[in-house]
Amino acid sequence: ASNASGVIVTITTTKITDTSAPANDLIEATATITAGTTTRIYARL
């Protein structure tokens, strides 16, 4: 999605460890600015 300044961030994930519930999976998330410019971005799950 885009913000009012035209910045677009795309977040991709890679499952590092896949375990059965109730154990935790390990997922790597990468946030990439795909349009516009900004000095910083924050990501959350």
Full PDB file with SEQRES, HELIX, SHEET, SSBOND, CRYST1, ORIGX, SCALE, CONECT and MASTER records, all heavy atoms in Angstrom:
SEQRES   1 A   45  ALA SER ASN ALA SER GLY VAL ILE VAL THR ILE THR THR          
SEQRES   2 A   45  THR LYS ILE THR ASP THR SER ALA PRO ALA ASN ASP LEU          
SEQRES   3 A   45  ILE GLU ALA THR ALA THR ILE THR ALA GLY THR THR THR          
SEQRES   4 A   45  ARG ILE TYR ALA ARG LEU                                      
SHEET    1 AA1 2 ILE A   8  THR A  17  0                                        
SHEET    2 AA1 2 LEU A  26  ALA A  35 -1                                        
CRYST1    1.000    1.000    1.000  90.00  90.00  90.00 P 1           1          
ORIGX1      1.000000  0.000000  0.000000        0.00000                         
ORIGX2      0.000000  1.000000  0.000000        0.00000                         
ORIGX3      0.000000  0.000000  1.000000        0.00000                         
SCALE1      1.000000  0.000000  0.000000        0.00000                         
SCALE2      0.000000  1.000000  0.000000        0.00000                         
SCALE3      0.000000  0.000000  1.000000        0.00000                         
ATOM      1  N   ALA A   1       0.844  -1.202   0.000  1.00  0.00           N  
ATOM      2  CA  ALA A   1       0.000   0.000   0.000  1.00  0.00           C  
ATOM      3  C   ALA A   1       0.878   1.251   0.000  1.00  0.00           C  
ATOM      4  O   ALA A   1       2.025   1.230   0.443  1.00  0.00           O  
ATOM      5  CB  ALA A   1      -0.915   0.005   1.215  1.00  0.00           C  
ATOM      6  N   SER A   2       0.298   2.353  -0.474  1.00  0.00           N  
ATOM      7  CA  SER A   2       0.993   3.626  -0.588  1.00  0.00           C  
ATOM      8  C   SER A   2       0.574   4.564   0.543  1.00  0.00           C  
ATOM      9  O   SER A   2      -0.563   4.526   0.991  1.00  0.00           O  
ATOM     10  CB  SER A   2       0.646   4.255  -1.941  1.00  0.00           C  
ATOM     11  OG  SER A   2       1.136   5.572  -2.025  1.00  0.00           O  
ATOM     12  N   ASN A   3       1.499   5.422   0.989  1.00  0.00           N  
ATOM     13  CA  ASN A   3       1.117   6.467   1.935  1.00  0.00           C  
ATOM     14  C   ASN A   3       0.870   7.770   1.172  1.00  0.00           C  
ATOM     15  O   ASN A   3       0.989   7.816  -0.059  1.00  0.00           O  
ATOM     16  CB  ASN A   3       2.149   6.628   3.057  1.00  0.00           C  
ATOM     17  CG  ASN A   3       3.459   7.247   2.602  1.00  0.00           C  
ATOM     18  OD1 ASN A   3       3.635   7.641   1.453  1.00  0.00           O  
ATOM     19  ND2 ASN A   3       4.408   7.320   3.521  1.00  0.00           N  
ATOM     20  N   ALA A   4       0.550   8.855   1.870  1.00  0.00           N  
ATOM     21  CA  ALA A   4       0.216  10.129   1.228  1.00  0.00           C  
ATOM     22  C   ALA A   4       1.393  10.723   0.456  1.00  0.00           C  
ATOM     23  O   ALA A   4       1.200  11.506  -0.464  1.00  0.00           O  
ATOM     24  CB  ALA A   4      -0.277  11.121   2.277  1.00  0.00           C  
ATOM     25  N   SER A   5       2.615  10.340   0.801  1.00  0.00           N  
ATOM     26  CA  SER A   5       3.813  10.850   0.121  1.00  0.00           C  
ATOM     27  C   SER A   5       4.205  10.003  -1.082  1.00  0.00           C  
ATOM     28  O   SER A   5       5.219  10.269  -1.720  1.00  0.00           O  
ATOM     29  CB  SER A   5       4.986  10.897   1.102  1.00  0.00           C  
ATOM     30  OG  SER A   5       4.680  11.750   2.179  1.00  0.00           O  
ATOM     31  N   GLY A   6       3.438   8.953  -1.378  1.00  0.00           N  
ATOM     32  CA  GLY A   6       3.741   8.092  -2.515  1.00  0.00           C  
ATOM     33  C   GLY A   6       4.743   6.992  -2.235  1.00  0.00           C  
ATOM     34  O   GLY A   6       5.204   6.313  -3.144  1.00  0.00           O  
ATOM     35  N   VAL A   7       5.079   6.795  -0.965  1.00  0.00           N  
ATOM     36  CA  VAL A   7       5.992   5.712  -0.598  1.00  0.00           C  
ATOM     37  C   VAL A   7       5.201   4.405  -0.585  1.00  0.00           C  
ATOM     38  O   VAL A   7       4.089   4.348  -0.050  1.00  0.00           O  
ATOM     39  CB  VAL A   7       6.633   5.962   0.783  1.00  0.00           C  
ATOM     40  CG1 VAL A   7       7.482   4.776   1.225  1.00  0.00           C  
ATOM     41  CG2 VAL A   7       7.464   7.237   0.765  1.00  0.00           C  
ATOM     42  N   ILE A   8       5.780   3.387  -1.184  1.00  0.00           N  
ATOM     43  CA  ILE A   8       5.202   2.042  -1.150  1.00  0.00           C  
ATOM     44  C   ILE A   8       6.263   1.103  -0.600  1.00  0.00           C  
ATOM     45  O   ILE A   8       7.411   1.121  -1.040  1.00  0.00           O  
ATOM     46  CB  ILE A   8       4.760   1.567  -2.546  1.00  0.00           C  
ATOM     47  CG1 ILE A   8       3.682   2.494  -3.105  1.00  0.00           C  
ATOM     48  CG2 ILE A   8       4.254   0.125  -2.493  1.00  0.00           C  
ATOM     49  CD1 ILE A   8       3.297   2.193  -4.538  1.00  0.00           C  
ATOM     50  N   VAL A   9       5.872   0.301   0.375  1.00  0.00           N  
ATOM     51  CA  VAL A   9       6.770  -0.693   0.961  1.00  0.00           C  
ATOM     52  C   VAL A   9       6.149  -2.070   0.752  1.00  0.00           C  
ATOM     53  O   VAL A   9       4.965  -2.272   1.035  1.00  0.00           O  
ATOM     54  CB  VAL A   9       7.003  -0.431   2.463  1.00  0.00           C  
ATOM     55  CG1 VAL A   9       7.846  -1.535   3.082  1.00  0.00           C  
ATOM     56  CG2 VAL A   9       7.666   0.927   2.664  1.00  0.00           C  
ATOM     57  N   THR A  10       6.954  -2.980   0.244  1.00  0.00           N  
ATOM     58  CA  THR A  10       6.516  -4.359   0.050  1.00  0.00           C  
ATOM     59  C   THR A  10       7.253  -5.235   1.061  1.00  0.00           C  
ATOM     60  O   THR A  10       8.474  -5.150   1.193  1.00  0.00           O  
ATOM     61  CB  THR A  10       6.821  -4.830  -1.381  1.00  0.00           C  
ATOM     62  OG1 THR A  10       6.156  -3.943  -2.292  1.00  0.00           O  
ATOM     63  CG2 THR A  10       6.347  -6.243  -1.612  1.00  0.00           C  
ATOM     64  N   ILE A  11       6.491  -6.045   1.771  1.00  0.00           N  
ATOM     65  CA  ILE A  11       7.074  -6.926   2.783  1.00  0.00           C  
ATOM     66  C   ILE A  11       6.944  -8.365   2.290  1.00  0.00           C  
ATOM     67  O   ILE A  11       5.852  -8.829   1.981  1.00  0.00           O  
ATOM     68  CB  ILE A  11       6.374  -6.759   4.140  1.00  0.00           C  
ATOM     69  CG1 ILE A  11       6.482  -5.293   4.604  1.00  0.00           C  
ATOM     70  CG2 ILE A  11       6.961  -7.710   5.178  1.00  0.00           C  
ATOM     71  CD1 ILE A  11       5.635  -4.954   5.802  1.00  0.00           C  
ATOM     72  N   THR A  12       8.079  -9.034   2.187  1.00  0.00           N  
ATOM     73  CA  THR A  12       8.104 -10.438   1.772  1.00  0.00           C  
ATOM     74  C   THR A  12       8.592 -11.286   2.943  1.00  0.00           C  
ATOM     75  O   THR A  12       9.328 -10.811   3.804  1.00  0.00           O  
ATOM     76  CB  THR A  12       9.022 -10.656   0.555  1.00  0.00           C  
ATOM     77  OG1 THR A  12      10.338 -10.179   0.873  1.00  0.00           O  
ATOM     78  CG2 THR A  12       8.504  -9.909  -0.665  1.00  0.00           C  
ATOM     79  N   THR A  13       8.156 -12.534   2.968  1.00  0.00           N  
ATOM     80  CA  THR A  13       8.548 -13.418   4.066  1.00  0.00           C  
ATOM     81  C   THR A  13       9.123 -14.721   3.536  1.00  0.00           C  
ATOM     82  O   THR A  13       8.787 -15.167   2.443  1.00  0.00           O  
ATOM     83  CB  THR A  13       7.339 -13.744   4.969  1.00  0.00           C  
ATOM     84  OG1 THR A  13       6.337 -14.401   4.198  1.00  0.00           O  
ATOM     85  CG2 THR A  13       6.765 -12.494   5.597  1.00  0.00           C  
ATOM     86  N   THR A  14       9.979 -15.289   4.343  1.00  0.00           N  
ATOM     87  CA  THR A  14      10.546 -16.603   4.080  1.00  0.00           C  
ATOM     88  C   THR A  14      10.429 -17.419   5.353  1.00  0.00           C  
ATOM     89  O   THR A  14      10.845 -16.959   6.431  1.00  0.00           O  
ATOM     90  CB  THR A  14      12.041 -16.501   3.688  1.00  0.00           C  
ATOM     91  OG1 THR A  14      12.156 -15.649   2.555  1.00  0.00           O  
ATOM     92  CG2 THR A  14      12.626 -17.861   3.382  1.00  0.00           C  
ATOM     93  N   LYS A  15       9.826 -18.599   5.258  1.00  0.00           N  
ATOM     94  CA  LYS A  15       9.703 -19.465   6.435  1.00  0.00           C  
ATOM     95  C   LYS A  15      11.022 -20.213   6.598  1.00  0.00           C  
ATOM     96  O   LYS A  15      11.411 -21.005   5.756  1.00  0.00           O  
ATOM     97  CB  LYS A  15       8.543 -20.439   6.280  1.00  0.00           C  
ATOM     98  CG  LYS A  15       8.216 -21.181   7.558  1.00  0.00           C  
ATOM     99  CD  LYS A  15       7.001 -22.052   7.414  1.00  0.00           C  
ATOM    100  CE  LYS A  15       5.764 -21.181   7.378  1.00  0.00           C  
ATOM    101  NZ  LYS A  15       4.530 -21.967   7.501  1.00  0.00           N  
ATOM    102  N   ILE A  16      11.722 -19.924   7.682  1.00  0.00           N  
ATOM    103  CA  ILE A  16      13.019 -20.540   7.969  1.00  0.00           C  
ATOM    104  C   ILE A  16      12.825 -21.898   8.629  1.00  0.00           C  
ATOM    105  O   ILE A  16      13.480 -22.868   8.280  1.00  0.00           O  
ATOM    106  CB  ILE A  16      13.869 -19.620   8.880  1.00  0.00           C  
ATOM    107  CG1 ILE A  16      14.010 -18.219   8.268  1.00  0.00           C  
ATOM    108  CG2 ILE A  16      15.223 -20.234   9.178  1.00  0.00           C  
ATOM    109  CD1 ILE A  16      14.708 -18.165   6.938  1.00  0.00           C  
ATOM    110  N   THR A  17      11.931 -21.956   9.618  1.00  0.00           N  
ATOM    111  CA  THR A  17      11.635 -23.196  10.335  1.00  0.00           C  
ATOM    112  C   THR A  17      10.128 -23.375  10.387  1.00  0.00           C  
ATOM    113  O   THR A  17       9.414 -22.478  10.811  1.00  0.00           O  
ATOM    114  CB  THR A  17      12.192 -23.154  11.771  1.00  0.00           C  
ATOM    115  OG1 THR A  17      13.585 -22.880  11.721  1.00  0.00           O  
ATOM    116  CG2 THR A  17      11.965 -24.467  12.492  1.00  0.00           C  
ATOM    117  N   ASP A  18       9.653 -24.525   9.953  1.00  0.00           N  
ATOM    118  CA  ASP A  18       8.221 -24.824   9.951  1.00  0.00           C  
ATOM    119  C   ASP A  18       7.974 -25.928  10.964  1.00  0.00           C  
ATOM    120  O   ASP A  18       8.421 -27.052  10.788  1.00  0.00           O  
ATOM    121  CB  ASP A  18       7.797 -25.267   8.553  1.00  0.00           C  
ATOM    122  CG  ASP A  18       6.299 -25.422   8.410  1.00  0.00           C  
ATOM    123  OD1 ASP A  18       5.567 -25.093   9.358  1.00  0.00           O  
ATOM    124  OD2 ASP A  18       5.861 -25.879   7.340  1.00  0.00           O  
ATOM    125  N   THR A  19       7.268 -25.588  12.049  1.00  0.00           N  
ATOM    126  CA  THR A  19       6.991 -26.566  13.099  1.00  0.00           C  
ATOM    127  C   THR A  19       5.492 -26.714  13.297  1.00  0.00           C  
ATOM    128  O   THR A  19       4.707 -25.857  12.916  1.00  0.00           O  
ATOM    129  CB  THR A  19       7.634 -26.137  14.427  1.00  0.00           C  
ATOM    130  OG1 THR A  19       7.127 -24.851  14.783  1.00  0.00           O  
ATOM    131  CG2 THR A  19       9.144 -26.066  14.319  1.00  0.00           C  
ATOM    132  N   SER A  20       5.098 -27.793  13.901  1.00  0.00           N  
ATOM    133  CA  SER A  20       3.677 -28.033  14.185  1.00  0.00           C  
ATOM    134  C   SER A  20       3.255 -27.252  15.426  1.00  0.00           C  
ATOM    135  O   SER A  20       4.037 -27.080  16.360  1.00  0.00           O  
ATOM    136  CB  SER A  20       3.437 -29.519  14.425  1.00  0.00           C  
ATOM    137  OG  SER A  20       3.775 -30.260  13.272  1.00  0.00           O  
ATOM    138  N   ALA A  21       2.021 -26.768  15.410  1.00  0.00           N  
ATOM    139  CA  ALA A  21       1.479 -26.055  16.577  1.00  0.00           C  
ATOM    140  C   ALA A  21       1.461 -27.006  17.765  1.00  0.00           C  
ATOM    141  O   ALA A  21       1.275 -28.202  17.590  1.00  0.00           O  
ATOM    142  CB  ALA A  21       0.082 -25.550  16.257  1.00  0.00           C  
ATOM    143  N   PRO A  22       1.727 -26.574  18.956  1.00  0.00           N  
ATOM    144  CA  PRO A  22       1.802 -25.195  19.399  1.00  0.00           C  
ATOM    145  C   PRO A  22       3.209 -24.601  19.363  1.00  0.00           C  
ATOM    146  O   PRO A  22       3.421 -23.501  19.855  1.00  0.00           O  
ATOM    147  CB  PRO A  22       1.297 -25.263  20.832  1.00  0.00           C  
ATOM    148  CG  PRO A  22       1.820 -26.578  21.308  1.00  0.00           C  
ATOM    149  CD  PRO A  22       1.723 -27.484  20.092  1.00  0.00           C  
ATOM    150  N   ALA A  23       4.176 -25.273  18.777  1.00  0.00           N  
ATOM    151  CA  ALA A  23       5.528 -24.735  18.683  1.00  0.00           C  
ATOM    152  C   ALA A  23       5.549 -23.550  17.709  1.00  0.00           C  
ATOM    153  O   ALA A  23       4.641 -23.378  16.902  1.00  0.00           O  
ATOM    154  CB  ALA A  23       6.501 -25.811  18.218  1.00  0.00           C  
ATOM    155  N   ASN A  24       6.571 -22.729  17.790  1.00  0.00           N  
ATOM    156  CA  ASN A  24       6.674 -21.523  16.977  1.00  0.00           C  
ATOM    157  C   ASN A  24       7.422 -21.775  15.675  1.00  0.00           C  
ATOM    158  O   ASN A  24       8.408 -22.503  15.650  1.00  0.00           O  
ATOM    159  CB  ASN A  24       7.405 -20.424  17.750  1.00  0.00           C  
ATOM    160  CG  ASN A  24       6.666 -20.010  18.990  1.00  0.00           C  
ATOM    161  OD1 ASN A  24       5.456 -19.905  18.975  1.00  0.00           O  
ATOM    162  ND2 ASN A  24       7.387 -19.781  20.063  1.00  0.00           N  
ATOM    163  N   ASP A  25       6.949 -21.146  14.592  1.00  0.00           N  
ATOM    164  CA  ASP A  25       7.686 -21.128  13.333  1.00  0.00           C  
ATOM    165  C   ASP A  25       8.693 -19.985  13.399  1.00  0.00           C  
ATOM    166  O   ASP A  25       8.517 -19.031  14.147  1.00  0.00           O  
ATOM    167  CB  ASP A  25       6.754 -20.871  12.142  1.00  0.00           C  
ATOM    168  CG  ASP A  25       5.785 -22.013  11.900  1.00  0.00           C  
ATOM    169  OD1 ASP A  25       6.037 -23.131  12.374  1.00  0.00           O  
ATOM    170  OD2 ASP A  25       4.767 -21.763  11.237  1.00  0.00           O  
ATOM    171  N   LEU A  26       9.739 -20.066  12.586  1.00  0.00           N  
ATOM    172  CA  LEU A  26      10.696 -18.976  12.454  1.00  0.00           C  
ATOM    173  C   LEU A  26      10.527 -18.403  11.056  1.00  0.00           C  
ATOM    174  O   LEU A  26      10.688 -19.123  10.062  1.00  0.00           O  
ATOM    175  CB  LEU A  26      12.133 -19.475  12.663  1.00  0.00           C  
ATOM    176  CG  LEU A  26      13.234 -18.443  12.474  1.00  0.00           C  
ATOM    177  CD1 LEU A  26      13.079 -17.305  13.474  1.00  0.00           C  
ATOM    178  CD2 LEU A  26      14.587 -19.098  12.602  1.00  0.00           C  
ATOM    179  N   ILE A  27      10.148 -17.117  10.982  1.00  0.00           N  
ATOM    180  CA  ILE A  27       9.882 -16.465   9.711  1.00  0.00           C  
ATOM    181  C   ILE A  27      10.749 -15.222   9.603  1.00  0.00           C  
ATOM    182  O   ILE A  27      10.827 -14.425  10.538  1.00  0.00           O  
ATOM    183  CB  ILE A  27       8.397 -16.078   9.588  1.00  0.00           C  
ATOM    184  CG1 ILE A  27       7.540 -17.351   9.621  1.00  0.00           C  
ATOM    185  CG2 ILE A  27       8.135 -15.282   8.323  1.00  0.00           C  
ATOM    186  CD1 ILE A  27       6.063 -17.119   9.684  1.00  0.00           C  
ATOM    187  N   GLU A  28      11.399 -15.061   8.446  1.00  0.00           N  
ATOM    188  CA  GLU A  28      12.189 -13.864   8.171  1.00  0.00           C  
ATOM    189  C   GLU A  28      11.357 -12.927   7.303  1.00  0.00           C  
ATOM    190  O   GLU A  28      10.835 -13.346   6.269  1.00  0.00           O  
ATOM    191  CB  GLU A  28      13.473 -14.244   7.446  1.00  0.00           C  
ATOM    192  CG  GLU A  28      14.340 -13.069   7.081  1.00  0.00           C  
ATOM    193  CD  GLU A  28      15.581 -13.515   6.354  1.00  0.00           C  
ATOM    194  OE1 GLU A  28      15.508 -13.701   5.121  1.00  0.00           O  
ATOM    195  OE2 GLU A  28      16.607 -13.693   7.023  1.00  0.00           O  
ATOM    196  N   ALA A  29      11.203 -11.681   7.725  1.00  0.00           N  
ATOM    197  CA  ALA A  29      10.452 -10.684   6.958  1.00  0.00           C  
ATOM    198  C   ALA A  29      11.422  -9.627   6.445  1.00  0.00           C  
ATOM    199  O   ALA A  29      12.275  -9.145   7.190  1.00  0.00           O  
ATOM    200  CB  ALA A  29       9.386 -10.048   7.823  1.00  0.00           C  
ATOM    201  N   THR A  30      11.263  -9.260   5.168  1.00  0.00           N  
ATOM    202  CA  THR A  30      12.097  -8.233   4.551  1.00  0.00           C  
ATOM    203  C   THR A  30      11.192  -7.131   4.017  1.00  0.00           C  
ATOM    204  O   THR A  30      10.291  -7.396   3.224  1.00  0.00           O  
ATOM    205  CB  THR A  30      12.929  -8.823   3.394  1.00  0.00           C  
ATOM    206  OG1 THR A  30      13.713  -9.903   3.907  1.00  0.00           O  
ATOM    207  CG2 THR A  30      13.831  -7.783   2.778  1.00  0.00           C  
ATOM    208  N   ALA A  31      11.416  -5.894   4.471  1.00  0.00           N  
ATOM    209  CA  ALA A  31      10.647  -4.738   4.007  1.00  0.00           C  
ATOM    210  C   ALA A  31      11.492  -3.974   2.991  1.00  0.00           C  
ATOM    211  O   ALA A  31      12.613  -3.574   3.288  1.00  0.00           O  
ATOM    212  CB  ALA A  31      10.284  -3.844   5.182  1.00  0.00           C  
ATOM    213  N   THR A  32      10.940  -3.772   1.790  1.00  0.00           N  
ATOM    214  CA  THR A  32      11.644  -3.102   0.710  1.00  0.00           C  
ATOM    215  C   THR A  32      10.832  -1.915   0.218  1.00  0.00           C  
ATOM    216  O   THR A  32       9.638  -2.056  -0.066  1.00  0.00           O  
ATOM    217  CB  THR A  32      11.868  -4.079  -0.469  1.00  0.00           C  
ATOM    218  OG1 THR A  32      12.541  -5.242   0.020  1.00  0.00           O  
ATOM    219  CG2 THR A  32      12.685  -3.446  -1.566  1.00  0.00           C  
ATOM    220  N   ILE A  33      11.467  -0.742   0.131  1.00  0.00           N  
ATOM    221  CA  ILE A  33      10.804   0.436  -0.433  1.00  0.00           C  
ATOM    222  C   ILE A  33      10.769   0.233  -1.938  1.00  0.00           C  
ATOM    223  O   ILE A  33      11.807   0.170  -2.591  1.00  0.00           O  
ATOM    224  CB  ILE A  33      11.547   1.722  -0.068  1.00  0.00           C  
ATOM    225  CG1 ILE A  33      11.591   1.887   1.447  1.00  0.00           C  
ATOM    226  CG2 ILE A  33      10.895   2.934  -0.728  1.00  0.00           C  
ATOM    227  CD1 ILE A  33      12.506   2.999   1.921  1.00  0.00           C  
ATOM    228  N   THR A  34       9.552   0.100  -2.502  1.00  0.00           N  
ATOM    229  CA  THR A  34       9.416  -0.177  -3.934  1.00  0.00           C  
ATOM    230  C   THR A  34       8.976   1.041  -4.727  1.00  0.00           C  
ATOM    231  O   THR A  34       8.943   0.995  -5.960  1.00  0.00           O  
ATOM    232  CB  THR A  34       8.439  -1.346  -4.162  1.00  0.00           C  
ATOM    233  OG1 THR A  34       7.202  -1.076  -3.488  1.00  0.00           O  
ATOM    234  CG2 THR A  34       9.017  -2.649  -3.620  1.00  0.00           C  
ATOM    235  N   ALA A  35       8.637   2.151  -4.052  1.00  0.00           N  
ATOM    236  CA  ALA A  35       8.315   3.415  -4.732  1.00  0.00           C  
ATOM    237  C   ALA A  35       8.505   4.553  -3.739  1.00  0.00           C  
ATOM    238  O   ALA A  35       8.300   4.386  -2.538  1.00  0.00           O  
ATOM    239  CB  ALA A  35       6.884   3.408  -5.252  1.00  0.00           C  
ATOM    240  N   GLY A  36       8.924   5.705  -4.231  1.00  0.00           N  
ATOM    241  CA  GLY A  36       9.124   6.872  -3.380  1.00  0.00           C  
ATOM    242  C   GLY A  36      10.406   6.781  -2.578  1.00  0.00           C  
ATOM    243  O   GLY A  36      11.204   5.857  -2.745  1.00  0.00           O  
ATOM    244  N   THR A  37      10.601   7.762  -1.711  1.00  0.00           N  
ATOM    245  CA  THR A  37      11.779   7.780  -0.843  1.00  0.00           C  
ATOM    246  C   THR A  37      11.362   8.187   0.566  1.00  0.00           C  
ATOM    247  O   THR A  37      10.431   8.970   0.757  1.00  0.00           O  
ATOM    248  CB  THR A  37      12.846   8.775  -1.348  1.00  0.00           C  
ATOM    249  OG1 THR A  37      12.268  10.081  -1.396  1.00  0.00           O  
ATOM    250  CG2 THR A  37      13.373   8.382  -2.710  1.00  0.00           C  
ATOM    251  N   THR A  38      12.061   7.655   1.533  1.00  0.00           N  
ATOM    252  CA  THR A  38      11.852   7.993   2.940  1.00  0.00           C  
ATOM    253  C   THR A  38      13.138   7.680   3.689  1.00  0.00           C  
ATOM    254  O   THR A  38      13.946   6.866   3.237  1.00  0.00           O  
ATOM    255  CB  THR A  38      10.660   7.230   3.542  1.00  0.00           C  
ATOM    256  OG1 THR A  38      10.438   7.702   4.878  1.00  0.00           O  
ATOM    257  CG2 THR A  38      10.872   5.738   3.551  1.00  0.00           C  
ATOM    258  N   THR A  39      13.351   8.340   4.800  1.00  0.00           N  
ATOM    259  CA  THR A  39      14.578   8.115   5.569  1.00  0.00           C  
ATOM    260  C   THR A  39      14.488   6.900   6.470  1.00  0.00           C  
ATOM    261  O   THR A  39      15.507   6.360   6.874  1.00  0.00           O  
ATOM    262  CB  THR A  39      14.919   9.346   6.425  1.00  0.00           C  
ATOM    263  OG1 THR A  39      13.816   9.640   7.276  1.00  0.00           O  
ATOM    264  CG2 THR A  39      15.235  10.547   5.543  1.00  0.00           C  
ATOM    265  N   ARG A  40      13.256   6.461   6.776  1.00  0.00           N  
ATOM    266  CA  ARG A  40      13.120   5.269   7.620  1.00  0.00           C  
ATOM    267  C   ARG A  40      11.749   4.634   7.423  1.00  0.00           C  
ATOM    268  O   ARG A  40      10.785   5.296   7.042  1.00  0.00           O  
ATOM    269  CB  ARG A  40      13.327   5.603   9.089  1.00  0.00           C  
ATOM    270  CG  ARG A  40      12.263   6.518   9.670  1.00  0.00           C  
ATOM    271  CD  ARG A  40      12.545   6.830  11.115  1.00  0.00           C  
ATOM    272  NE  ARG A  40      13.752   7.603  11.224  1.00  0.00           N  
ATOM    273  CZ  ARG A  40      13.822   8.857  11.628  1.00  0.00           C  
ATOM    274  NH1 ARG A  40      12.743   9.471  12.022  1.00  0.00           N  
ATOM    275  NH2 ARG A  40      14.951   9.496  11.694  1.00  0.00           N  
ATOM    276  N   ILE A  41      11.709   3.342   7.685  1.00  0.00           N  
ATOM    277  CA  ILE A  41      10.445   2.618   7.711  1.00  0.00           C  
ATOM    278  C   ILE A  41      10.448   1.697   8.920  1.00  0.00           C  
ATOM    279  O   ILE A  41      11.494   1.287   9.407  1.00  0.00           O  
ATOM    280  CB  ILE A  41      10.187   1.796   6.420  1.00  0.00           C  
ATOM    281  CG1 ILE A  41      11.311   0.797   6.169  1.00  0.00           C  
ATOM    282  CG2 ILE A  41       9.964   2.681   5.234  1.00  0.00           C  
ATOM    283  CD1 ILE A  41      11.010  -0.199   5.075  1.00  0.00           C  
ATOM    284  N   TYR A  42       9.268   1.393   9.388  1.00  0.00           N  
ATOM    285  CA  TYR A  42       9.075   0.459  10.488  1.00  0.00           C  
ATOM    286  C   TYR A  42       8.152  -0.647   9.982  1.00  0.00           C  
ATOM    287  O   TYR A  42       7.266  -0.391   9.164  1.00  0.00           O  
ATOM    288  CB  TYR A  42       8.442   1.152  11.694  1.00  0.00           C  
ATOM    289  CG  TYR A  42       9.213   2.341  12.171  1.00  0.00           C  
ATOM    290  CD1 TYR A  42       8.893   3.620  11.714  1.00  0.00           C  
ATOM    291  CD2 TYR A  42      10.266   2.197  13.062  1.00  0.00           C  
ATOM    292  CE1 TYR A  42       9.611   4.723  12.149  1.00  0.00           C  
ATOM    293  CE2 TYR A  42      10.983   3.290  13.500  1.00  0.00           C  
ATOM    294  CZ  TYR A  42      10.651   4.560  13.037  1.00  0.00           C  
ATOM    295  OH  TYR A  42      11.365   5.650  13.464  1.00  0.00           O  
ATOM    296  N   ALA A  43       8.346  -1.833  10.471  1.00  0.00           N  
ATOM    297  CA  ALA A  43       7.487  -2.953  10.076  1.00  0.00           C  
ATOM    298  C   ALA A  43       6.984  -3.644  11.334  1.00  0.00           C  
ATOM    299  O   ALA A  43       7.649  -3.642  12.378  1.00  0.00           O  
ATOM    300  CB  ALA A  43       8.263  -3.937   9.209  1.00  0.00           C  
ATOM    301  N   ARG A  44       5.780  -4.204  11.218  1.00  0.00           N  
ATOM    302  CA  ARG A  44       5.234  -4.959  12.348  1.00  0.00           C  
ATOM    303  C   ARG A  44       4.426  -6.138  11.828  1.00  0.00           C  
ATOM    304  O   ARG A  44       3.920  -6.137  10.713  1.00  0.00           O  
ATOM    305  CB  ARG A  44       4.383  -4.081  13.253  1.00  0.00           C  
ATOM    306  CG  ARG A  44       3.028  -3.709  12.693  1.00  0.00           C  
ATOM    307  CD  ARG A  44       2.240  -2.880  13.687  1.00  0.00           C  
ATOM    308  NE  ARG A  44       0.931  -2.516  13.174  1.00  0.00           N  
ATOM    309  CZ  ARG A  44       0.070  -1.766  13.803  1.00  0.00           C  
ATOM    310  NH1 ARG A  44       0.392  -1.268  15.002  1.00  0.00           N  
ATOM    311  NH2 ARG A  44      -1.099  -1.480  13.277  1.00  0.00           N  
ATOM    312  N   LEU A  45       4.314  -7.107  12.688  1.00  0.00           N  
ATOM    313  CA  LEU A  45       3.502  -8.292  12.424  1.00  0.00           C  
ATOM    314  C   LEU A  45       2.214  -8.128  13.213  1.00  0.00           C  
ATOM    315  O   LEU A  45       2.237  -7.744  14.386  1.00  0.00           O  
ATOM    316  CB  LEU A  45       4.246  -9.541  12.913  1.00  0.00           C  
ATOM    317  CG  LEU A  45       3.396 -10.798  12.985  1.00  0.00           C  
ATOM    318  CD1 LEU A  45       3.754 -11.694  11.836  1.00  0.00           C  
ATOM    319  CD2 LEU A  45       3.616 -11.495  14.294  1.00  0.00           C  
TER     320      LEU A  45                                                      
MASTER        0    0    0    0    2    0    0    6  319    1    0    4          
END                                                                             
